[in-house]
């Protein structure tokens, strides 16, 4: 009886080890696939247009004193160079990396932003998508030291990459496109809220 129990534990450990290994390989594979794809995107006008439109929109919204964007005044922020396009390159997710300036802060953030090509112009949607939260104690030397921008980038890319590709390594257009219909309504409200 005891040997059967030991055998079961060994098989269980082997199973856990193998599935964990495949998960690591899968994450590394998706990251490598996206990095190669991003290099191609960076050669494309759409990439530069959506990056420029996003930076302009963020600066404009801060200047207009929109309430929901005021978090940028309390943070060091950077638009990540990752753009998660759909196959047509007319919809995409972007990542806004945020390090809280508060010396007692224990978390940093990444806002997911959406871009949509409408009438040959990129419109940027700031509100309505998720905010990723990362604890400093897990990713920094000390509880109050901001997480490095490169680390925020890597962590948030891995979150998006979980659903970005289909099993056949093609872009999951349904994942990229599904957010769009709801965002228009939320954006109208966002643009009306002054601080």
C-alpha atoms as a PDB file:
ATOM      1  CA  UNK A   1       0.000   0.000   0.000  1.00  0.00           C
ATOM      2  CA  UNK A   2       2.792   2.388   0.905  1.00  0.00           C
ATOM      3  CA  UNK A   3       4.638   1.740  -2.358  1.00  0.00           C
ATOM      4  CA  UNK A   4       1.483   2.429  -4.351  1.00  0.00           C
ATOM      5  CA  UNK A   5       1.083   5.757  -2.552  1.00  0.00           C
ATOM      6  CA  UNK A   6       4.741   6.629  -3.255  1.00  0.00           C
ATOM      7  CA  UNK A   7       4.295   5.731  -6.921  1.00  0.00           C
ATOM      8  CA  UNK A   8       1.220   7.978  -7.137  1.00  0.00           C
ATOM      9  CA  UNK A   9       3.151  10.850  -5.564  1.00  0.00           C
ATOM     10  CA  UNK A  10       6.035  10.344  -8.013  1.00  0.00           C
ATOM     11  CA  UNK A  11       3.653  10.359 -10.989  1.00  0.00           C
ATOM     12  CA  UNK A  12       1.952  13.443  -9.636  1.00  0.00           C
ATOM     13  CA  UNK A  13       5.298  15.239  -9.237  1.00  0.00           C
ATOM     14  CA  UNK A  14       6.341  14.238 -12.745  1.00  0.00           C
ATOM     15  CA  UNK A  15       3.018  15.459 -14.141  1.00  0.00           C
ATOM     16  CA  UNK A  16       3.302  18.796 -12.325  1.00  0.00           C
ATOM     17  CA  UNK A  17       6.904  19.225 -13.488  1.00  0.00           C
ATOM     18  CA  UNK A  18       6.074  18.458 -17.114  1.00  0.00           C
ATOM     19  CA  UNK A  19       3.012  20.719 -17.233  1.00  0.00           C
ATOM     20  CA  UNK A  20       4.977  23.509 -15.540  1.00  0.00           C
ATOM     21  CA  UNK A  21       7.757  23.104 -18.089  1.00  0.00           C
ATOM     22  CA  UNK A  22       5.289  23.333 -20.986  1.00  0.00           C
ATOM     23  CA  UNK A  23       3.740  26.462 -19.469  1.00  0.00           C
ATOM     24  CA  UNK A  24       7.186  28.108 -19.257  1.00  0.00           C
ATOM     25  CA  UNK A  25       8.022  27.087 -22.819  1.00  0.00           C
ATOM     26  CA  UNK A  26       4.650  28.326 -24.003  1.00  0.00           C
ATOM     27  CA  UNK A  27       5.132  31.750 -22.341  1.00  0.00           C
ATOM     28  CA  UNK A  28       8.662  32.017 -23.722  1.00  0.00           C
ATOM     29  CA  UNK A  29       7.439  30.949 -27.165  1.00  0.00           C
ATOM     30  CA  UNK A  30       4.614  33.527 -27.203  1.00  0.00           C
ATOM     31  CA  UNK A  31       7.030  36.233 -26.036  1.00  0.00           C
ATOM     32  CA  UNK A  32       9.551  35.342 -28.779  1.00  0.00           C
ATOM     33  CA  UNK A  33       6.789  35.225 -31.388  1.00  0.00           C
ATOM     34  CA  UNK A  34       5.492  38.639 -30.325  1.00  0.00           C
ATOM     35  CA  UNK A  35       8.965  40.195 -30.165  1.00  0.00           C
ATOM     36  CA  UNK A  36       9.620  39.097 -33.762  1.00  0.00           C
ATOM     37  CA  UNK A  37       6.198  40.368 -34.804  1.00  0.00           C
ATOM     38  CA  UNK A  38       6.771  43.684 -33.011  1.00  0.00           C
ATOM     39  CA  UNK A  39       9.996  44.187 -34.982  1.00  0.00           C
ATOM     40  CA  UNK A  40       7.912  43.847 -38.165  1.00  0.00           C
ATOM     41  CA  UNK A  41       5.170  46.165 -36.813  1.00  0.00           C
ATOM     42  CA  UNK A  42       7.776  48.841 -36.094  1.00  0.00           C
ATOM     43  CA  UNK A  43       8.551  48.994 -39.826  1.00  0.00           C
ATOM     44  CA  UNK A  44       4.889  49.753 -40.560  1.00  0.00           C
ATOM     45  CA  UNK A  45       3.291  53.219 -40.722  1.00  0.00           C
ATOM     46  CA  UNK A  46       0.304  52.050 -38.650  1.00  0.00           C
ATOM     47  CA  UNK A  47       2.601  51.341 -35.711  1.00  0.00           C
ATOM     48  CA  UNK A  48       4.091  54.847 -35.713  1.00  0.00           C
ATOM     49  CA  UNK A  49       0.729  56.500 -36.339  1.00  0.00           C
ATOM     50  CA  UNK A  50      -0.984  54.807 -33.379  1.00  0.00           C
ATOM     51  CA  UNK A  51       1.981  55.490 -31.076  1.00  0.00           C
ATOM     52  CA  UNK A  52       1.982  59.190 -32.066  1.00  0.00           C
ATOM     53  CA  UNK A  53      -1.804  59.485 -31.749  1.00  0.00           C
ATOM     54  CA  UNK A  54      -1.704  57.898 -28.284  1.00  0.00           C
ATOM     55  CA  UNK A  55       1.043  60.198 -26.992  1.00  0.00           C
ATOM     56  CA  UNK A  56      -0.767  63.271 -28.362  1.00  0.00           C
ATOM     57  CA  UNK A  57      -4.079  62.177 -26.848  1.00  0.00           C
ATOM     58  CA  UNK A  58      -2.561  61.567 -23.418  1.00  0.00           C
ATOM     59  CA  UNK A  59      -0.853  64.976 -23.372  1.00  0.00           C
ATOM     60  CA  UNK A  60      -4.039  66.678 -24.594  1.00  0.00           C
ATOM     61  CA  UNK A  61      -6.195  65.008 -21.941  1.00  0.00           C
ATOM     62  CA  UNK A  62      -3.783  65.983 -19.161  1.00  0.00           C
ATOM     63  CA  UNK A  63      -3.790  69.594 -20.434  1.00  0.00           C
ATOM     64  CA  UNK A  64      -7.606  69.573 -20.592  1.00  0.00           C
ATOM     65  CA  UNK A  65      -7.620  68.473 -16.937  1.00  0.00           C
ATOM     66  CA  UNK A  66      -9.821  65.435 -17.529  1.00  0.00           C
ATOM     67  CA  UNK A  67     -10.577  63.790 -14.205  1.00  0.00           C
ATOM     68  CA  UNK A  68      -9.777  60.166 -15.011  1.00  0.00           C
ATOM     69  CA  UNK A  69      -6.397  61.046 -16.544  1.00  0.00           C
ATOM     70  CA  UNK A  70      -5.130  62.987 -13.514  1.00  0.00           C
ATOM     71  CA  UNK A  71      -3.414  59.834 -12.277  1.00  0.00           C
ATOM     72  CA  UNK A  72      -0.663  60.663 -14.774  1.00  0.00           C
ATOM     73  CA  UNK A  73       0.254  63.731 -12.723  1.00  0.00           C
ATOM     74  CA  UNK A  74       0.877  61.463  -9.710  1.00  0.00           C
ATOM     75  CA  UNK A  75       2.983  58.953 -11.617  1.00  0.00           C
ATOM     76  CA  UNK A  76       6.026  58.561 -13.770  1.00  0.00           C
ATOM     77  CA  UNK A  77       4.543  57.174 -16.948  1.00  0.00           C
ATOM     78  CA  UNK A  78       5.620  55.831 -20.284  1.00  0.00           C
ATOM     79  CA  UNK A  79       3.772  54.477 -23.288  1.00  0.00           C
ATOM     80  CA  UNK A  80       5.214  51.021 -23.892  1.00  0.00           C
ATOM     81  CA  UNK A  81       6.483  50.299 -27.392  1.00  0.00           C
ATOM     82  CA  UNK A  82       4.322  47.159 -27.617  1.00  0.00           C
ATOM     83  CA  UNK A  83       1.276  47.427 -29.862  1.00  0.00           C
ATOM     84  CA  UNK A  84      -1.033  44.416 -30.059  1.00  0.00           C
ATOM     85  CA  UNK A  85      -2.732  44.853 -33.461  1.00  0.00           C
ATOM     86  CA  UNK A  86      -5.486  42.731 -34.917  1.00  0.00           C
ATOM     87  CA  UNK A  87      -4.791  41.146 -38.317  1.00  0.00           C
ATOM     88  CA  UNK A  88      -6.155  44.146 -40.253  1.00  0.00           C
ATOM     89  CA  UNK A  89      -4.078  46.562 -38.143  1.00  0.00           C
ATOM     90  CA  UNK A  90      -7.152  48.745 -37.546  1.00  0.00           C
ATOM     91  CA  UNK A  91      -7.660  47.892 -33.851  1.00  0.00           C
ATOM     92  CA  UNK A  92      -5.089  47.408 -31.116  1.00  0.00           C
ATOM     93  CA  UNK A  93      -4.202  47.311 -27.452  1.00  0.00           C
ATOM     94  CA  UNK A  94      -1.454  49.539 -26.033  1.00  0.00           C
ATOM     95  CA  UNK A  95       0.125  49.591 -22.583  1.00  0.00           C
ATOM     96  CA  UNK A  96       0.612  52.655 -20.388  1.00  0.00           C
ATOM     97  CA  UNK A  97       3.254  51.948 -17.721  1.00  0.00           C
ATOM     98  CA  UNK A  98       2.717  53.812 -14.425  1.00  0.00           C
ATOM     99  CA  UNK A  99       5.095  54.149 -11.466  1.00  0.00           C
ATOM    100  CA  UNK A 100       3.415  55.793  -8.483  1.00  0.00           C
ATOM    101  CA  UNK A 101       5.439  58.800  -7.218  1.00  0.00           C
ATOM    102  CA  UNK A 102       4.133  58.441  -3.654  1.00  0.00           C
ATOM    103  CA  UNK A 103       7.085  57.390  -1.489  1.00  0.00           C
ATOM    104  CA  UNK A 104       4.800  55.114   0.534  1.00  0.00           C
ATOM    105  CA  UNK A 105       3.227  53.439  -2.509  1.00  0.00           C
ATOM    106  CA  UNK A 106       3.390  49.673  -2.576  1.00  0.00           C
ATOM    107  CA  UNK A 107       2.082  49.080  -6.097  1.00  0.00           C
ATOM    108  CA  UNK A 108       2.644  50.161  -9.671  1.00  0.00           C
ATOM    109  CA  UNK A 109       0.225  49.860 -12.554  1.00  0.00           C
ATOM    110  CA  UNK A 110      -0.253  49.305 -16.246  1.00  0.00           C
ATOM    111  CA  UNK A 111      -3.337  50.699 -17.965  1.00  0.00           C
ATOM    112  CA  UNK A 112      -4.523  48.944 -21.085  1.00  0.00           C
ATOM    113  CA  UNK A 113      -5.443  51.490 -23.762  1.00  0.00           C
ATOM    114  CA  UNK A 114      -7.286  50.821 -27.015  1.00  0.00           C
ATOM    115  CA  UNK A 115      -6.688  52.209 -30.469  1.00  0.00           C
ATOM    116  CA  UNK A 116      -9.173  52.124 -33.352  1.00  0.00           C
ATOM    117  CA  UNK A 117      -8.628  53.354 -36.892  1.00  0.00           C
ATOM    118  CA  UNK A 118     -11.796  55.284 -37.742  1.00  0.00           C
ATOM    119  CA  UNK A 119     -12.137  57.210 -40.993  1.00  0.00           C
ATOM    120  CA  UNK A 120      -8.368  56.897 -41.565  1.00  0.00           C
ATOM    121  CA  UNK A 121      -7.561  58.432 -38.158  1.00  0.00           C
ATOM    122  CA  UNK A 122      -6.452  56.657 -34.988  1.00  0.00           C
ATOM    123  CA  UNK A 123      -8.787  57.290 -32.059  1.00  0.00           C
ATOM    124  CA  UNK A 124      -7.502  56.352 -28.642  1.00  0.00           C
ATOM    125  CA  UNK A 125      -9.729  54.992 -25.888  1.00  0.00           C
ATOM    126  CA  UNK A 126      -8.386  55.467 -22.387  1.00  0.00           C
ATOM    127  CA  UNK A 127     -11.240  54.290 -20.252  1.00  0.00           C
ATOM    128  CA  UNK A 128     -13.125  51.031 -20.013  1.00  0.00           C
ATOM    129  CA  UNK A 129     -10.308  48.496 -20.091  1.00  0.00           C
ATOM    130  CA  UNK A 130      -8.399  46.839 -17.304  1.00  0.00           C
ATOM    131  CA  UNK A 131      -5.678  48.224 -15.096  1.00  0.00           C
ATOM    132  CA  UNK A 132      -3.038  45.700 -14.109  1.00  0.00           C
ATOM    133  CA  UNK A 133      -1.700  46.057 -10.571  1.00  0.00           C
ATOM    134  CA  UNK A 134       1.756  44.820  -9.548  1.00  0.00           C
ATOM    135  CA  UNK A 135       3.040  44.727  -5.952  1.00  0.00           C
ATOM    136  CA  UNK A 136       6.425  46.329  -5.458  1.00  0.00           C
ATOM    137  CA  UNK A 137       7.472  43.838  -2.799  1.00  0.00           C
ATOM    138  CA  UNK A 138       7.298  41.074  -5.388  1.00  0.00           C
ATOM    139  CA  UNK A 139       9.239  42.824  -8.170  1.00  0.00           C
ATOM    140  CA  UNK A 140      11.521  45.360  -6.440  1.00  0.00           C
ATOM    141  CA  UNK A 141      14.232  45.228  -3.806  1.00  0.00           C
ATOM    142  CA  UNK A 142      12.060  47.034  -1.306  1.00  0.00           C
ATOM    143  CA  UNK A 143       8.344  47.619  -0.742  1.00  0.00           C
ATOM    144  CA  UNK A 144       8.542  51.285  -1.726  1.00  0.00           C
ATOM    145  CA  UNK A 145      10.966  51.123  -4.653  1.00  0.00           C
ATOM    146  CA  UNK A 146       9.121  51.519  -7.978  1.00  0.00           C
ATOM    147  CA  UNK A 147       9.068  48.541 -10.288  1.00  0.00           C
ATOM    148  CA  UNK A 148      11.374  49.182 -13.246  1.00  0.00           C
ATOM    149  CA  UNK A 149       9.583  50.248 -16.428  1.00  0.00           C
ATOM    150  CA  UNK A 150      11.178  47.323 -18.286  1.00  0.00           C
ATOM    151  CA  UNK A 151       9.724  44.917 -15.712  1.00  0.00           C
ATOM    152  CA  UNK A 152       6.270  46.524 -15.920  1.00  0.00           C
ATOM    153  CA  UNK A 153       6.487  46.162 -19.683  1.00  0.00           C
ATOM    154  CA  UNK A 154       7.434  42.493 -19.519  1.00  0.00           C
ATOM    155  CA  UNK A 155       4.777  41.619 -16.924  1.00  0.00           C
ATOM    156  CA  UNK A 156       1.957  43.390 -18.739  1.00  0.00           C
ATOM    157  CA  UNK A 157       2.944  41.965 -22.132  1.00  0.00           C
ATOM    158  CA  UNK A 158       2.762  38.477 -20.666  1.00  0.00           C
ATOM    159  CA  UNK A 159      -0.773  39.185 -19.441  1.00  0.00           C
ATOM    160  CA  UNK A 160      -1.927  40.316 -22.891  1.00  0.00           C
ATOM    161  CA  UNK A 161      -0.101  37.479 -24.635  1.00  0.00           C
ATOM    162  CA  UNK A 162      -2.145  34.891 -22.739  1.00  0.00           C
ATOM    163  CA  UNK A 163      -5.059  35.582 -25.123  1.00  0.00           C
ATOM    164  CA  UNK A 164      -3.411  37.394 -28.044  1.00  0.00           C
ATOM    165  CA  UNK A 165      -2.533  34.310 -30.092  1.00  0.00           C
ATOM    166  CA  UNK A 166      -4.700  31.386 -31.061  1.00  0.00           C
ATOM    167  CA  UNK A 167      -3.286  27.905 -30.707  1.00  0.00           C
ATOM    168  CA  UNK A 168      -2.120  28.058 -34.325  1.00  0.00           C
ATOM    169  CA  UNK A 169       0.103  31.077 -33.568  1.00  0.00           C
ATOM    170  CA  UNK A 170      -2.163  33.481 -35.473  1.00  0.00           C
ATOM    171  CA  UNK A 171      -3.442  36.699 -33.921  1.00  0.00           C
ATOM    172  CA  UNK A 172      -6.708  36.187 -32.059  1.00  0.00           C
ATOM    173  CA  UNK A 173      -8.763  38.915 -33.756  1.00  0.00           C
ATOM    174  CA  UNK A 174     -11.793  38.193 -31.611  1.00  0.00           C
ATOM    175  CA  UNK A 175      -9.741  39.020 -28.498  1.00  0.00           C
ATOM    176  CA  UNK A 176      -8.451  42.280 -29.967  1.00  0.00           C
ATOM    177  CA  UNK A 177     -11.754  43.402 -31.502  1.00  0.00           C
ATOM    178  CA  UNK A 178     -14.175  42.471 -28.702  1.00  0.00           C
ATOM    179  CA  UNK A 179     -13.483  45.538 -26.534  1.00  0.00           C
ATOM    180  CA  UNK A 180     -14.309  48.104 -29.206  1.00  0.00           C
ATOM    181  CA  UNK A 181     -18.154  48.297 -29.180  1.00  0.00           C
ATOM    182  CA  UNK A 182     -18.380  49.168 -25.469  1.00  0.00           C
ATOM    183  CA  UNK A 183     -15.533  51.683 -25.480  1.00  0.00           C
ATOM    184  CA  UNK A 184     -17.227  54.368 -27.591  1.00  0.00           C
ATOM    185  CA  UNK A 185     -19.913  54.966 -24.945  1.00  0.00           C
ATOM    186  CA  UNK A 186     -17.437  54.989 -22.080  1.00  0.00           C
ATOM    187  CA  UNK A 187     -15.106  57.345 -23.952  1.00  0.00           C
ATOM    188  CA  UNK A 188     -17.868  59.937 -24.391  1.00  0.00           C
ATOM    189  CA  UNK A 189     -18.367  59.999 -20.616  1.00  0.00           C
ATOM    190  CA  UNK A 190     -14.606  60.115 -19.998  1.00  0.00           C
ATOM    191  CA  UNK A 191     -14.147  63.142 -22.273  1.00  0.00           C
ATOM    192  CA  UNK A 192     -16.879  65.098 -20.443  1.00  0.00           C
ATOM    193  CA  UNK A 193     -15.456  64.672 -16.912  1.00  0.00           C
ATOM    194  CA  UNK A 194     -13.292  67.639 -15.947  1.00  0.00           C
ATOM    195  CA  UNK A 195     -11.214  67.606 -12.759  1.00  0.00           C
END
